[in-house]
Amino acid sequence: MKKAILMIVLAAFLATSVGCIGIRGGTEQGKVEQSLGQQLIDLKKAKEEGAITDEEYEKLKEKLIHQDE
């Protein structure tokens, strides 16, 4: 069960950090972005529910915070 939740959280994390891009005629379509705050809330919830460890939470949090640098 924890593995399934972790996989869902990581998939959501990757989807939000990469974005969903459909290319048609050289334009981006369907790009979905989630705010940093919402990503951090989701990450904390995953930690609280036991989907990720405290160590994984800290690593992923730092990665989120510094992704635009």
PDB file of N, CA and C in Angstrom:
ATOM      1  N   MET A   1       0.821  -1.187   0.000  1.00  0.00           N
ATOM      2  CA  MET A   1       0.000   0.000   0.000  1.00  0.00           C
ATOM      3  C   MET A   1       0.874   1.265   0.000  1.00  0.00           C
ATOM      4  N   LYS A   2       1.928   1.269   0.857  1.00  0.00           N
ATOM      5  CA  LYS A   2       2.804   2.434   0.902  1.00  0.00           C
ATOM      6  C   LYS A   2       3.510   2.649  -0.425  1.00  0.00           C
ATOM      7  N   LYS A   3       3.891   1.533  -1.089  1.00  0.00           N
ATOM      8  CA  LYS A   3       4.569   1.655  -2.380  1.00  0.00           C
ATOM      9  C   LYS A   3       3.649   2.296  -3.408  1.00  0.00           C
ATOM     10  N   ALA A   4       2.377   1.904  -3.398  1.00  0.00           N
ATOM     11  CA  ALA A   4       1.421   2.450  -4.359  1.00  0.00           C
ATOM     12  C   ALA A   4       1.237   3.941  -4.127  1.00  0.00           C
ATOM     13  N   ILE A   5       1.121   4.353  -2.870  1.00  0.00           N
ATOM     14  CA  ILE A   5       0.947   5.779  -2.562  1.00  0.00           C
ATOM     15  C   ILE A   5       2.203   6.546  -2.949  1.00  0.00           C
ATOM     16  N   LEU A   6       3.363   5.980  -2.658  1.00  0.00           N
ATOM     17  CA  LEU A   6       4.614   6.633  -3.026  1.00  0.00           C
ATOM     18  C   LEU A   6       4.714   6.816  -4.535  1.00  0.00           C
ATOM     19  N   MET A   7       4.342   5.799  -5.277  1.00  0.00           N
ATOM     20  CA  MET A   7       4.391   5.888  -6.739  1.00  0.00           C
ATOM     21  C   MET A   7       3.452   6.978  -7.251  1.00  0.00           C
ATOM     22  N   ILE A   8       2.282   7.087  -6.655  1.00  0.00           N
ATOM     23  CA  ILE A   8       1.323   8.118  -7.056  1.00  0.00           C
ATOM     24  C   ILE A   8       1.877   9.505  -6.751  1.00  0.00           C
ATOM     25  N   VAL A   9       2.445   9.669  -5.566  1.00  0.00           N
ATOM     26  CA  VAL A   9       3.017  10.962  -5.182  1.00  0.00           C
ATOM     27  C   VAL A   9       4.169  11.331  -6.105  1.00  0.00           C
ATOM     28  N   LEU A  10       5.047  10.384  -6.375  1.00  0.00           N
ATOM     29  CA  LEU A  10       6.182  10.673  -7.256  1.00  0.00           C
ATOM     30  C   LEU A  10       5.725  10.977  -8.683  1.00  0.00           C
ATOM     31  N   ALA A  11       4.711  10.251  -9.158  1.00  0.00           N
ATOM     32  CA  ALA A  11       4.182  10.522 -10.498  1.00  0.00           C
ATOM     33  C   ALA A  11       3.586  11.927 -10.557  1.00  0.00           C
ATOM     34  N   ALA A  12       2.855  12.299  -9.514  1.00  0.00           N
ATOM     35  CA  ALA A  12       2.272  13.645  -9.466  1.00  0.00           C
ATOM     36  C   ALA A  12       3.371  14.699  -9.411  1.00  0.00           C
ATOM     37  N   PHE A  13       4.401  14.418  -8.624  1.00  0.00           N
ATOM     38  CA  PHE A  13       5.525  15.345  -8.525  1.00  0.00           C
ATOM     39  C   PHE A  13       6.192  15.549  -9.880  1.00  0.00           C
ATOM     40  N   LEU A  14       6.463  14.449 -10.565  1.00  0.00           N
ATOM     41  CA  LEU A  14       7.098  14.540 -11.876  1.00  0.00           C
ATOM     42  C   LEU A  14       6.205  15.245 -12.887  1.00  0.00           C
ATOM     43  N   ALA A  15       4.931  14.938 -12.848  1.00  0.00           N
ATOM     44  CA  ALA A  15       4.000  15.564 -13.791  1.00  0.00           C
ATOM     45  C   ALA A  15       3.928  17.066 -13.582  1.00  0.00           C
ATOM     46  N   THR A  16       3.960  17.500 -12.327  1.00  0.00           N
ATOM     47  CA  THR A  16       3.869  18.932 -12.067  1.00  0.00           C
ATOM     48  C   THR A  16       5.184  19.649 -12.311  1.00  0.00           C
ATOM     49  N   SER A  17       6.294  18.966 -12.106  1.00  0.00           N
ATOM     50  CA  SER A  17       7.573  19.641 -12.326  1.00  0.00           C
ATOM     51  C   SER A  17       7.952  19.690 -13.798  1.00  0.00           C
ATOM     52  N   VAL A  18       7.521  18.713 -14.558  1.00  0.00           N
ATOM     53  CA  VAL A  18       7.823  18.683 -15.987  1.00  0.00           C
ATOM     54  C   VAL A  18       6.725  19.391 -16.768  1.00  0.00           C
ATOM     55  N   GLY A  19       5.476  19.181 -16.389  1.00  0.00           N
ATOM     56  CA  GLY A  19       4.343  19.779 -17.077  1.00  0.00           C
ATOM     57  C   GLY A  19       3.847  18.875 -18.184  1.00  0.00           C
ATOM     58  N   CYS A  20       2.614  19.060 -18.520  1.00  0.00           N
ATOM     59  CA  CYS A  20       2.011  18.287 -19.607  1.00  0.00           C
ATOM     60  C   CYS A  20       1.988  19.187 -20.828  1.00  0.00           C
ATOM     61  N   ILE A  21       2.747  18.824 -21.820  1.00  0.00           N
ATOM     62  CA  ILE A  21       2.862  19.675 -22.999  1.00  0.00           C
ATOM     63  C   ILE A  21       2.399  18.902 -24.236  1.00  0.00           C
ATOM     64  N   GLY A  22       1.462  19.480 -24.919  1.00  0.00           N
ATOM     65  CA  GLY A  22       1.048  18.931 -26.200  1.00  0.00           C
ATOM     66  C   GLY A  22       1.505  19.908 -27.273  1.00  0.00           C
ATOM     67  N   ILE A  23       2.231  19.448 -28.250  1.00  0.00           N
ATOM     68  CA  ILE A  23       2.761  20.357 -29.267  1.00  0.00           C
ATOM     69  C   ILE A  23       1.932  20.212 -30.532  1.00  0.00           C
ATOM     70  N   ARG A  24       1.467  21.331 -31.018  1.00  0.00           N
ATOM     71  CA  ARG A  24       0.649  21.368 -32.224  1.00  0.00           C
ATOM     72  C   ARG A  24       0.939  22.683 -32.917  1.00  0.00           C
ATOM     73  N   GLY A  25       1.564  22.587 -34.015  1.00  0.00           N
ATOM     74  CA  GLY A  25       1.908  23.815 -34.731  1.00  0.00           C
ATOM     75  C   GLY A  25       2.922  24.666 -33.985  1.00  0.00           C
ATOM     76  N   GLY A  26       3.757  24.044 -33.152  1.00  0.00           N
ATOM     77  CA  GLY A  26       4.792  24.782 -32.461  1.00  0.00           C
ATOM     78  C   GLY A  26       4.324  25.493 -31.199  1.00  0.00           C
ATOM     79  N   THR A  27       3.099  25.245 -30.739  1.00  0.00           N
ATOM     80  CA  THR A  27       2.616  25.895 -29.525  1.00  0.00           C
ATOM     81  C   THR A  27       2.389  24.873 -28.432  1.00  0.00           C
ATOM     82  N   GLU A  28       2.460  25.326 -27.212  1.00  0.00           N
ATOM     83  CA  GLU A  28       2.198  24.460 -26.073  1.00  0.00           C
ATOM     84  C   GLU A  28       0.708  24.458 -25.783  1.00  0.00           C
ATOM     85  N   GLN A  29       0.165  23.272 -25.534  1.00  0.00           N
ATOM     86  CA  GLN A  29      -1.245  23.158 -25.186  1.00  0.00           C
ATOM     87  C   GLN A  29      -1.386  22.240 -24.001  1.00  0.00           C
ATOM     88  N   GLY A  30      -2.340  22.524 -23.165  1.00  0.00           N
ATOM     89  CA  GLY A  30      -2.641  21.638 -22.053  1.00  0.00           C
ATOM     90  C   GLY A  30      -1.592  21.614 -20.956  1.00  0.00           C
ATOM     91  N   LYS A  31      -0.804  22.655 -20.847  1.00  0.00           N
ATOM     92  CA  LYS A  31       0.233  22.687 -19.816  1.00  0.00           C
ATOM     93  C   LYS A  31      -0.424  22.957 -18.464  1.00  0.00           C
ATOM     94  N   VAL A  32      -0.134  22.071 -17.514  1.00  0.00           N
ATOM     95  CA  VAL A  32      -0.705  22.191 -16.185  1.00  0.00           C
ATOM     96  C   VAL A  32       0.419  22.485 -15.206  1.00  0.00           C
ATOM     97  N   GLU A  33       0.259  23.549 -14.436  1.00  0.00           N
ATOM     98  CA  GLU A  33       1.263  23.891 -13.440  1.00  0.00           C
ATOM     99  C   GLU A  33       0.608  23.949 -12.071  1.00  0.00           C
ATOM    100  N   GLN A  34       1.327  23.496 -11.089  1.00  0.00           N
ATOM    101  CA  GLN A  34       0.860  23.527  -9.718  1.00  0.00           C
ATOM    102  C   GLN A  34       1.807  24.444  -8.952  1.00  0.00           C
ATOM    103  N   SER A  35       1.259  25.278  -8.082  1.00  0.00           N
ATOM    104  CA  SER A  35       2.107  26.214  -7.346  1.00  0.00           C
ATOM    105  C   SER A  35       3.060  25.471  -6.418  1.00  0.00           C
ATOM    106  N   LEU A  36       4.150  26.138  -6.086  1.00  0.00           N
ATOM    107  CA  LEU A  36       5.121  25.564  -5.164  1.00  0.00           C
ATOM    108  C   LEU A  36       4.451  25.257  -3.834  1.00  0.00           C
ATOM    109  N   GLY A  37       3.603  26.158  -3.380  1.00  0.00           N
ATOM    110  CA  GLY A  37       2.909  25.944  -2.118  1.00  0.00           C
ATOM    111  C   GLY A  37       2.069  24.678  -2.132  1.00  0.00           C
ATOM    112  N   GLN A  38       1.333  24.467  -3.214  1.00  0.00           N
ATOM    113  CA  GLN A  38       0.494  23.276  -3.307  1.00  0.00           C
ATOM    114  C   GLN A  38       1.340  22.016  -3.385  1.00  0.00           C
ATOM    115  N   GLN A  39       2.461  22.076  -4.097  1.00  0.00           N
ATOM    116  CA  GLN A  39       3.353  20.924  -4.172  1.00  0.00           C
ATOM    117  C   GLN A  39       3.908  20.579  -2.788  1.00  0.00           C
ATOM    118  N   LEU A  40       4.259  21.609  -2.010  1.00  0.00           N
ATOM    119  CA  LEU A  40       4.778  21.373  -0.666  1.00  0.00           C
ATOM    120  C   LEU A  40       3.703  20.804   0.252  1.00  0.00           C
ATOM    121  N   ILE A  41       2.476  21.289   0.119  1.00  0.00           N
ATOM    122  CA  ILE A  41       1.352  20.758   0.900  1.00  0.00           C
ATOM    123  C   ILE A  41       1.133  19.288   0.572  1.00  0.00           C
ATOM    124  N   ASP A  42       1.130  18.956  -0.718  1.00  0.00           N
ATOM    125  CA  ASP A  42       0.942  17.564  -1.146  1.00  0.00           C
ATOM    126  C   ASP A  42       2.064  16.674  -0.627  1.00  0.00           C
ATOM    127  N   LEU A  43       3.279  17.197  -0.657  1.00  0.00           N
ATOM    128  CA  LEU A  43       4.433  16.437  -0.191  1.00  0.00           C
ATOM    129  C   LEU A  43       4.332  16.171   1.313  1.00  0.00           C
ATOM    130  N   LYS A  44       3.942  17.201   2.073  1.00  0.00           N
ATOM    131  CA  LYS A  44       3.794  17.041   3.523  1.00  0.00           C
ATOM    132  C   LYS A  44       2.703  16.023   3.843  1.00  0.00           C
ATOM    133  N   LYS A  45       1.618  16.075   3.089  1.00  0.00           N
ATOM    134  CA  LYS A  45       0.523  15.122   3.292  1.00  0.00           C
ATOM    135  C   LYS A  45       1.009  13.690   3.045  1.00  0.00           C
ATOM    136  N   ALA A  46       1.808  13.504   2.020  1.00  0.00           N
ATOM    137  CA  ALA A  46       2.352  12.172   1.721  1.00  0.00           C
ATOM    138  C   ALA A  46       3.218  11.676   2.876  1.00  0.00           C
ATOM    139  N   LYS A  47       3.990  12.587   3.477  1.00  0.00           N
ATOM    140  CA  LYS A  47       4.828  12.214   4.629  1.00  0.00           C
ATOM    141  C   LYS A  47       3.960  11.848   5.823  1.00  0.00           C
ATOM    142  N   GLU A  48       2.949  12.666   6.082  1.00  0.00           N
ATOM    143  CA  GLU A  48       2.068  12.421   7.225  1.00  0.00           C
ATOM    144  C   GLU A  48       1.287  11.118   7.084  1.00  0.00           C
ATOM    145  N   GLU A  49       0.967  10.744   5.846  1.00  0.00           N
ATOM    146  CA  GLU A  49       0.225   9.507   5.605  1.00  0.00           C
ATOM    147  C   GLU A  49       1.139   8.287   5.531  1.00  0.00           C
ATOM    148  N   GLY A  50       2.434   8.518   5.645  1.00  0.00           N
ATOM    149  CA  GLY A  50       3.386   7.413   5.652  1.00  0.00           C
ATOM    150  C   GLY A  50       3.793   6.924   4.273  1.00  0.00           C
ATOM    151  N   ALA A  51       3.453   7.683   3.245  1.00  0.00           N
ATOM    152  CA  ALA A  51       3.808   7.277   1.887  1.00  0.00           C
ATOM    153  C   ALA A  51       5.289   7.468   1.618  1.00  0.00           C
ATOM    154  N   ILE A  52       5.887   8.445   2.291  1.00  0.00           N
ATOM    155  CA  ILE A  52       7.322   8.682   2.156  1.00  0.00           C
ATOM    156  C   ILE A  52       7.921   8.869   3.547  1.00  0.00           C
ATOM    157  N   THR A  53       9.210   8.604   3.656  1.00  0.00           N
ATOM    158  CA  THR A  53       9.899   8.748   4.936  1.00  0.00           C
ATOM    159  C   THR A  53      10.247  10.209   5.179  1.00  0.00           C
ATOM    160  N   ASP A  54      10.656  10.513   6.413  1.00  0.00           N
ATOM    161  CA  ASP A  54      11.093  11.878   6.731  1.00  0.00           C
ATOM    162  C   ASP A  54      12.269  12.279   5.857  1.00  0.00           C
ATOM    163  N   GLU A  55      13.181  11.335   5.618  1.00  0.00           N
ATOM    164  CA  GLU A  55      14.361  11.612   4.788  1.00  0.00           C
ATOM    165  C   GLU A  55      13.953  11.911   3.342  1.00  0.00           C
ATOM    166  N   GLU A  56      13.042  11.112   2.802  1.00  0.00           N
ATOM    167  CA  GLU A  56      12.564  11.349   1.432  1.00  0.00           C
ATOM    168  C   GLU A  56      11.858  12.695   1.344  1.00  0.00           C
ATOM    169  N   TYR A  57      11.076  13.007   2.373  1.00  0.00           N
ATOM    170  CA  TYR A  57      10.361  14.283   2.417  1.00  0.00           C
ATOM    171  C   TYR A  57      11.341  15.453   2.354  1.00  0.00           C
ATOM    172  N   GLU A  58      12.382  15.406   3.171  1.00  0.00           N
ATOM    173  CA  GLU A  58      13.357  16.496   3.201  1.00  0.00           C
ATOM    174  C   GLU A  58      14.066  16.657   1.858  1.00  0.00           C
ATOM    175  N   LYS A  59      14.452  15.534   1.239  1.00  0.00           N
ATOM    176  CA  LYS A  59      15.133  15.592  -0.057  1.00  0.00           C
ATOM    177  C   LYS A  59      14.219  16.172  -1.132  1.00  0.00           C
ATOM    178  N   LEU A  60      12.969  15.681  -1.187  1.00  0.00           N
ATOM    179  CA  LEU A  60      12.034  16.161  -2.199  1.00  0.00           C
ATOM    180  C   LEU A  60      11.655  17.622  -1.963  1.00  0.00           C
ATOM    181  N   LYS A  61      11.530  18.018  -0.706  1.00  0.00           N
ATOM    182  CA  LYS A  61      11.205  19.403  -0.378  1.00  0.00           C
ATOM    183  C   LYS A  61      12.312  20.331  -0.858  1.00  0.00           C
ATOM    184  N   GLU A  62      13.561  19.974  -0.577  1.00  0.00           N
ATOM    185  CA  GLU A  62      14.688  20.794  -1.023  1.00  0.00           C
ATOM    186  C   GLU A  62      14.723  20.876  -2.555  1.00  0.00           C
ATOM    187  N   LYS A  63      14.449  19.757  -3.210  1.00  0.00           N
ATOM    188  CA  LYS A  63      14.448  19.738  -4.672  1.00  0.00           C
ATOM    189  C   LYS A  63      13.368  20.679  -5.217  1.00  0.00           C
ATOM    190  N   LEU A  64      12.194  20.660  -4.609  1.00  0.00           N
ATOM    191  CA  LEU A  64      11.114  21.549  -5.038  1.00  0.00           C
ATOM    192  C   LEU A  64      11.480  23.015  -4.838  1.00  0.00           C
ATOM    193  N   ILE A  65      12.006  23.310  -3.675  1.00  0.00           N
ATOM    194  CA  ILE A  65      12.324  24.699  -3.336  1.00  0.00           C
ATOM    195  C   ILE A  65      13.395  25.268  -4.252  1.00  0.00           C
ATOM    196  N   HIS A  66      14.348  24.441  -4.651  1.00  0.00           N
ATOM    197  CA  HIS A  66      15.473  24.925  -5.456  1.00  0.00           C
ATOM    198  C   HIS A  66      15.362  24.581  -6.939  1.00  0.00           C
ATOM    199  N   GLN A  67      14.199  24.138  -7.409  1.00  0.00           N
ATOM    200  CA  GLN A  67      14.081  23.714  -8.802  1.00  0.00           C
ATOM    201  C   GLN A  67      14.209  24.849  -9.811  1.00  0.00           C
ATOM    202  N   ASP A  68      13.933  26.060  -9.432  1.00  0.00           N
ATOM    203  CA  ASP A  68      14.008  27.183 -10.384  1.00  0.00           C
ATOM    204  C   ASP A  68      15.331  27.936 -10.328  1.00  0.00           C
ATOM    205  N   GLU A  69      16.244  27.482  -9.510  1.00  0.00           N
ATOM    206  CA  GLU A  69      17.527  28.204  -9.376  1.00  0.00           C
ATOM    207  C   GLU A  69      18.475  27.828 -10.470  1.00  0.00           C
TER     208      GLU A  69
END
